[in-house]
PDB file of N, CA and C in Angstrom:
ATOM      1  N   UNK A   1      60.457  13.277 154.028  1.00  0.00           N
ATOM      2  CA  UNK A   1      59.125  12.961 153.568  1.00  0.00           C
ATOM      3  C   UNK A   1      59.215  12.452 152.131  1.00  0.00           C
ATOM      4  N   UNK A   2      58.453  11.433 151.835  1.00  0.00           N
ATOM      5  CA  UNK A   2      58.407  10.857 150.494  1.00  0.00           C
ATOM      6  C   UNK A   2      57.176  11.352 149.764  1.00  0.00           C
ATOM      7  N   UNK A   3      57.346  11.615 148.480  1.00  0.00           N
ATOM      8  CA  UNK A   3      56.262  12.112 147.640  1.00  0.00           C
ATOM      9  C   UNK A   3      55.999  11.111 146.530  1.00  0.00           C
ATOM     10  N   UNK A   4      54.738  11.004 146.104  1.00  0.00           N
ATOM     11  CA  UNK A   4      54.350  10.102 145.024  1.00  0.00           C
ATOM     12  C   UNK A   4      53.666  10.878 143.924  1.00  0.00           C
ATOM     13  N   UNK A   5      54.000  10.518 142.687  1.00  0.00           N
ATOM     14  CA  UNK A   5      53.347  11.090 141.515  1.00  0.00           C
ATOM     15  C   UNK A   5      52.888   9.924 140.648  1.00  0.00           C
ATOM     16  N   UNK A   6      51.605   9.858 140.346  1.00  0.00           N
ATOM     17  CA  UNK A   6      51.079   8.837 139.441  1.00  0.00           C
ATOM     18  C   UNK A   6      51.357   9.258 138.004  1.00  0.00           C
ATOM     19  N   UNK A   7      52.023   8.376 137.249  1.00  0.00           N
ATOM     20  CA  UNK A   7      52.363   8.659 135.852  1.00  0.00           C
ATOM     21  C   UNK A   7      52.077   7.393 135.054  1.00  0.00           C
ATOM     22  N   UNK A   8      51.167   7.479 134.095  1.00  0.00           N
ATOM     23  CA  UNK A   8      50.770   6.276 133.372  1.00  0.00           C
ATOM     24  C   UNK A   8      51.668   5.969 132.173  1.00  0.00           C
ATOM     25  N   UNK A   9      52.194   6.965 131.515  1.00  0.00           N
ATOM     26  CA  UNK A   9      52.983   6.763 130.296  1.00  0.00           C
ATOM     27  C   UNK A   9      54.446   6.476 130.644  1.00  0.00           C
ATOM     28  N   UNK A  10      54.984   5.379 130.123  1.00  0.00           N
ATOM     29  CA  UNK A  10      56.342   4.938 130.465  1.00  0.00           C
ATOM     30  C   UNK A  10      57.395   5.987 130.101  1.00  0.00           C
ATOM     31  N   UNK A  11      57.272   6.619 128.965  1.00  0.00           N
ATOM     32  CA  UNK A  11      58.269   7.621 128.569  1.00  0.00           C
ATOM     33  C   UNK A  11      58.238   8.839 129.496  1.00  0.00           C
ATOM     34  N   UNK A  12      57.054   9.197 129.991  1.00  0.00           N
ATOM     35  CA  UNK A  12      56.944  10.302 130.944  1.00  0.00           C
ATOM     36  C   UNK A  12      57.588   9.933 132.280  1.00  0.00           C
ATOM     37  N   UNK A  13      57.415   8.680 132.716  1.00  0.00           N
ATOM     38  CA  UNK A  13      58.063   8.227 133.955  1.00  0.00           C
ATOM     39  C   UNK A  13      59.573   8.302 133.834  1.00  0.00           C
ATOM     40  N   UNK A  14      60.093   7.850 132.702  1.00  0.00           N
ATOM     41  CA  UNK A  14      61.535   7.867 132.474  1.00  0.00           C
ATOM     42  C   UNK A  14      62.087   9.294 132.508  1.00  0.00           C
ATOM     43  N   UNK A  15      61.388  10.210 131.867  1.00  0.00           N
ATOM     44  CA  UNK A  15      61.810  11.614 131.851  1.00  0.00           C
ATOM     45  C   UNK A  15      61.783  12.205 133.257  1.00  0.00           C
ATOM     46  N   UNK A  16      60.712  11.944 133.992  1.00  0.00           N
ATOM     47  CA  UNK A  16      60.573  12.474 135.340  1.00  0.00           C
ATOM     48  C   UNK A  16      61.630  11.911 136.280  1.00  0.00           C
ATOM     49  N   UNK A  17      61.921  10.628 136.181  1.00  0.00           N
ATOM     50  CA  UNK A  17      62.960   9.999 136.999  1.00  0.00           C
ATOM     51  C   UNK A  17      64.307  10.662 136.726  1.00  0.00           C
ATOM     52  N   UNK A  18      64.616  10.893 135.460  1.00  0.00           N
ATOM     53  CA  UNK A  18      65.882  11.522 135.092  1.00  0.00           C
ATOM     54  C   UNK A  18      65.996  12.926 135.669  1.00  0.00           C
ATOM     55  N   UNK A  19      64.948  13.709 135.542  1.00  0.00           N
ATOM     56  CA  UNK A  19      64.953  15.083 136.044  1.00  0.00           C
ATOM     57  C   UNK A  19      65.145  15.098 137.561  1.00  0.00           C
ATOM     58  N   UNK A  20      64.394  14.270 138.267  1.00  0.00           N
ATOM     59  CA  UNK A  20      64.490  14.250 139.729  1.00  0.00           C
ATOM     60  C   UNK A  20      65.870  13.780 140.195  1.00  0.00           C
ATOM     61  N   UNK A  21      66.391  12.730 139.567  1.00  0.00           N
ATOM     62  CA  UNK A  21      67.695  12.196 139.951  1.00  0.00           C
ATOM     63  C   UNK A  21      68.801  13.210 139.688  1.00  0.00           C
ATOM     64  N   UNK A  22      68.714  13.921 138.578  1.00  0.00           N
ATOM     65  CA  UNK A  22      69.736  14.919 138.259  1.00  0.00           C
ATOM     66  C   UNK A  22      69.689  16.110 139.212  1.00  0.00           C
ATOM     67  N   UNK A  23      68.581  16.283 139.913  1.00  0.00           N
ATOM     68  CA  UNK A  23      68.452  17.367 140.877  1.00  0.00           C
ATOM     69  C   UNK A  23      68.657  16.902 142.315  1.00  0.00           C
ATOM     70  N   UNK A  24      69.234  15.709 142.479  1.00  0.00           N
ATOM     71  CA  UNK A  24      69.664  15.258 143.793  1.00  0.00           C
ATOM     72  C   UNK A  24      68.660  14.458 144.600  1.00  0.00           C
ATOM     73  N   UNK A  25      67.553  14.069 144.016  1.00  0.00           N
ATOM     74  CA  UNK A  25      66.558  13.287 144.736  1.00  0.00           C
ATOM     75  C   UNK A  25      66.824  11.794 144.568  1.00  0.00           C
ATOM     76  N   UNK A  26      66.457  11.029 145.574  1.00  0.00           N
ATOM     77  CA  UNK A  26      66.436   9.578 145.463  1.00  0.00           C
ATOM     78  C   UNK A  26      65.083   9.217 144.870  1.00  0.00           C
ATOM     79  N   UNK A  27      65.084   8.378 143.838  1.00  0.00           N
ATOM     80  CA  UNK A  27      63.864   8.110 143.079  1.00  0.00           C
ATOM     81  C   UNK A  27      63.662   6.614 142.931  1.00  0.00           C
ATOM     82  N   UNK A  28      62.414   6.189 143.013  1.00  0.00           N
ATOM     83  CA  UNK A  28      62.069   4.809 142.686  1.00  0.00           C
ATOM     84  C   UNK A  28      60.726   4.814 141.980  1.00  0.00           C
ATOM     85  N   UNK A  29      60.511   3.779 141.185  1.00  0.00           N
ATOM     86  CA  UNK A  29      59.206   3.642 140.541  1.00  0.00           C
ATOM     87  C   UNK A  29      58.558   2.356 141.019  1.00  0.00           C
ATOM     88  N   UNK A  30      57.240   2.343 141.014  1.00  0.00           N
ATOM     89  CA  UNK A  30      56.525   1.164 141.473  1.00  0.00           C
ATOM     90  C   UNK A  30      55.156   1.063 140.848  1.00  0.00           C
ATOM     91  N   UNK A  31      54.469  -0.012 141.192  1.00  0.00           N
ATOM     92  CA  UNK A  31      53.116  -0.271 140.692  1.00  0.00           C
ATOM     93  C   UNK A  31      52.270  -0.758 141.861  1.00  0.00           C
ATOM     94  N   UNK A  32      51.007  -0.393 141.860  1.00  0.00           N
ATOM     95  CA  UNK A  32      50.058  -0.935 142.816  1.00  0.00           C
ATOM     96  C   UNK A  32      48.804  -1.346 142.054  1.00  0.00           C
ATOM     97  N   UNK A  33      48.170  -2.397 142.533  1.00  0.00           N
ATOM     98  CA  UNK A  33      46.918  -2.863 141.948  1.00  0.00           C
ATOM     99  C   UNK A  33      45.759  -2.155 142.637  1.00  0.00           C
ATOM    100  N   UNK A  34      44.823  -1.668 141.832  1.00  0.00           N
ATOM    101  CA  UNK A  34      43.614  -1.034 142.339  1.00  0.00           C
ATOM    102  C   UNK A  34      42.450  -1.675 141.593  1.00  0.00           C
ATOM    103  N   UNK A  35      41.953  -2.768 142.155  1.00  0.00           N
ATOM    104  CA  UNK A  35      40.908  -3.519 141.458  1.00  0.00           C
ATOM    105  C   UNK A  35      41.506  -4.191 140.240  1.00  0.00           C
ATOM    106  N   UNK A  36      40.953  -3.903 139.069  1.00  0.00           N
ATOM    107  CA  UNK A  36      41.472  -4.462 137.822  1.00  0.00           C
ATOM    108  C   UNK A  36      42.544  -3.583 137.183  1.00  0.00           C
ATOM    109  N   UNK A  37      42.778  -2.421 137.764  1.00  0.00           N
ATOM    110  CA  UNK A  37      43.740  -1.473 137.201  1.00  0.00           C
ATOM    111  C   UNK A  37      45.078  -1.566 137.914  1.00  0.00           C
ATOM    112  N   UNK A  38      46.139  -1.290 137.188  1.00  0.00           N
ATOM    113  CA  UNK A  38      47.470  -1.165 137.760  1.00  0.00           C
ATOM    114  C   UNK A  38      47.874   0.296 137.658  1.00  0.00           C
ATOM    115  N   UNK A  39      48.241   0.886 138.778  1.00  0.00           N
ATOM    116  CA  UNK A  39      48.634   2.289 138.814  1.00  0.00           C
ATOM    117  C   UNK A  39      50.154   2.348 138.963  1.00  0.00           C
ATOM    118  N   UNK A  40      50.801   3.008 138.019  1.00  0.00           N
ATOM    119  CA  UNK A  40      52.255   3.189 138.062  1.00  0.00           C
ATOM    120  C   UNK A  40      52.554   4.534 138.702  1.00  0.00           C
ATOM    121  N   UNK A  41      53.617   4.584 139.498  1.00  0.00           N
ATOM    122  CA  UNK A  41      53.949   5.819 140.177  1.00  0.00           C
ATOM    123  C   UNK A  41      55.453   5.998 140.290  1.00  0.00           C
ATOM    124  N   UNK A  42      55.833   7.231 140.558  1.00  0.00           N
ATOM    125  CA  UNK A  42      57.203   7.609 140.875  1.00  0.00           C
ATOM    126  C   UNK A  42      57.179   8.075 142.327  1.00  0.00           C
ATOM    127  N   UNK A  43      58.108   7.588 143.114  1.00  0.00           N
ATOM    128  CA  UNK A  43      58.249   8.040 144.494  1.00  0.00           C
ATOM    129  C   UNK A  43      59.622   8.675 144.610  1.00  0.00           C
ATOM    130  N   UNK A  44      59.694   9.841 145.248  1.00  0.00           N
ATOM    131  CA  UNK A  44      60.978  10.512 145.384  1.00  0.00           C
ATOM    132  C   UNK A  44      61.100  11.189 146.736  1.00  0.00           C
ATOM    133  N   UNK A  45      62.351  11.350 147.177  1.00  0.00           N
ATOM    134  CA  UNK A  45      62.641  12.002 148.439  1.00  0.00           C
ATOM    135  C   UNK A  45      64.076  12.512 148.419  1.00  0.00           C
ATOM    136  N   UNK A  46      64.359  13.411 149.342  1.00  0.00           N
ATOM    137  CA  UNK A  46      65.695  13.971 149.459  1.00  0.00           C
ATOM    138  C   UNK A  46      66.370  13.342 150.674  1.00  0.00           C
ATOM    139  N   UNK A  47      67.554  12.790 150.461  1.00  0.00           N
ATOM    140  CA  UNK A  47      68.306  12.174 151.556  1.00  0.00           C
ATOM    141  C   UNK A  47      68.820  13.284 152.476  1.00  0.00           C
ATOM    142  N   UNK A  48      68.680  13.081 153.761  1.00  0.00           N
ATOM    143  CA  UNK A  48      69.191  14.022 154.745  1.00  0.00           C
ATOM    144  C   UNK A  48      70.648  13.684 155.039  1.00  0.00           C
ATOM    145  N   UNK A  49      71.496  14.692 155.006  1.00  0.00           N
ATOM    146  CA  UNK A  49      72.897  14.457 155.351  1.00  0.00           C
ATOM    147  C   UNK A  49      73.157  14.985 156.755  1.00  0.00           C
ATOM    148  N   UNK A  50      74.033  14.306 157.482  1.00  0.00           N
ATOM    149  CA  UNK A  50      74.349  14.704 158.860  1.00  0.00           C
ATOM    150  C   UNK A  50      75.431  15.777 158.919  1.00  0.00           C
ATOM    151  N   UNK A  51      75.993  16.109 157.779  1.00  0.00           N
ATOM    152  CA  UNK A  51      77.103  17.088 157.759  1.00  0.00           C
ATOM    153  C   UNK A  51      76.627  18.498 157.924  1.00  0.00           C
TER     154      UNK A  51
END
């Protein structure tokens, strides 16, 4: 399952990405347009291993 967290401040996104990645999550950041606003988010998930 993938989770999304909306984070507007760039430095907060960078910190959150680092924390999640260091704890074994796959992380990506993205943007979506909502009318005249752009919403920045972090999406993260845990890769399933077959082992």
